[in-house]
C-alpha cells in the first residue's frame, strides 16, 4: 500500500474521532487532542502545556517509510522527544500499532490497538480513592504534624514533638523510597533509550551503572603472575579476617583500628497503634465536620493527595527529524 493511500486512510480515521478524544504519546503518556485535520498536516493541542502544534505530512511519510522498510518495526527510541505524537497519531491507522513493551511501532495485518486514552475524563475529574500505601498514611500524619508545629524554629519545640516529627520523617522516607523503586522498575521497562523524559517537576532518564567485582583470588593472582606482576603488590589486609582474629585472641580492637566516635539520632521503635488512632481521628474529623470547616479540611487532604499524585506523574515531549541519506 502506498503512503498516499495510507495517508488518506489516516485522515479519514482522524475525521471520525470524537472531538473530546484524547491520545497518549508512547512511553511518556503525554495527553493531546487532534483539533484540526488538513490535507498536508494535523493540528494537535497538548493538554499539559496548552501548546498547539502542527504535525506535518512529510514527517508522517518519513515515519511511514521507516516502519514499513524495517523488519520488526521502527524503534521508538530513535525518534527525537518532540516527535512522540507522530507514532501516536499513526497508530489510529488500522495497519499500524505501537508495542510499548518492545518499544516500537509496527505494521500489522490483523486488528490493532491505538493510543487513544481509555475514558474521556481528565485526571482532575476522576473519582479520588485513598491508596492502600503506608507512605500515604504517614504523609498525611506528617503534614498534620508540620502544620501544628513551627518547624522553622526547631529549637523551640518540645522534645516529644521533635521525637514524633523525626519518627514520621523517617517512616515517610523509608516508605516513599520503596514506592520510588517500584515506580523506577515500571519506568525502566518503558524506557528504551537514554533521552530524558520530562514531567512538570523534572525529568528522568534510563542510565547504566557499571559494577565491578573481583574474580576468585587465585584466578586474579595467577593472571597477575602470568603478566609478570608480583602477587605481593596486590595483597593487603582483609578486614573480615582481622575481625575473626580479634574474636579468638587477646588483641583489642584498638590494637588494630583507629577508632573515632560520633553521636547521632536513630529511630528506636514506632507506635503504630498511636499513629493509626491519630490517622483515624483526622478522617473522623473530616467526616463529622460541617460547613466551612469541613470544606477547608477536605481541601487540605485533597491538596496532600494531589502532591502525592504529582510525585508519581511522568510525561515527556520532543521535533521529528527526517534523516538525510548521508546520515547513519
Foldseek 3Di string as FASTA:
>chain_A
DDVLVLVVLLLVLLVPDDQLWWFAFALQGFIKGFDDGDPFWTWIAGPVPRDIDIGGNVLLNLQVCQQVVDPPAAAQQVWFQQCRVSLQSSQSRQQWEADQLVRGIHGHDDGYDHRTDPDRDDPVPDDDDQDPFPLLLLLVVLVVLPVVDPVVCVVPDDPVSVLVNVVSVVSNVVRVVVVVVVLVVVSVSRAPYFDWFADPVGTDGDDDDDDDDDDDPVVVCVVCVVVVHHPVVPDDDDPVVVVVVVVVDVDDPVVPDDDDDDDDDDDDDDDVVVSVVVSVVLVVCLVPDDDPVNVVSVVVSVVSVVVVVRVSRTGGHGDGDRDDPPDD
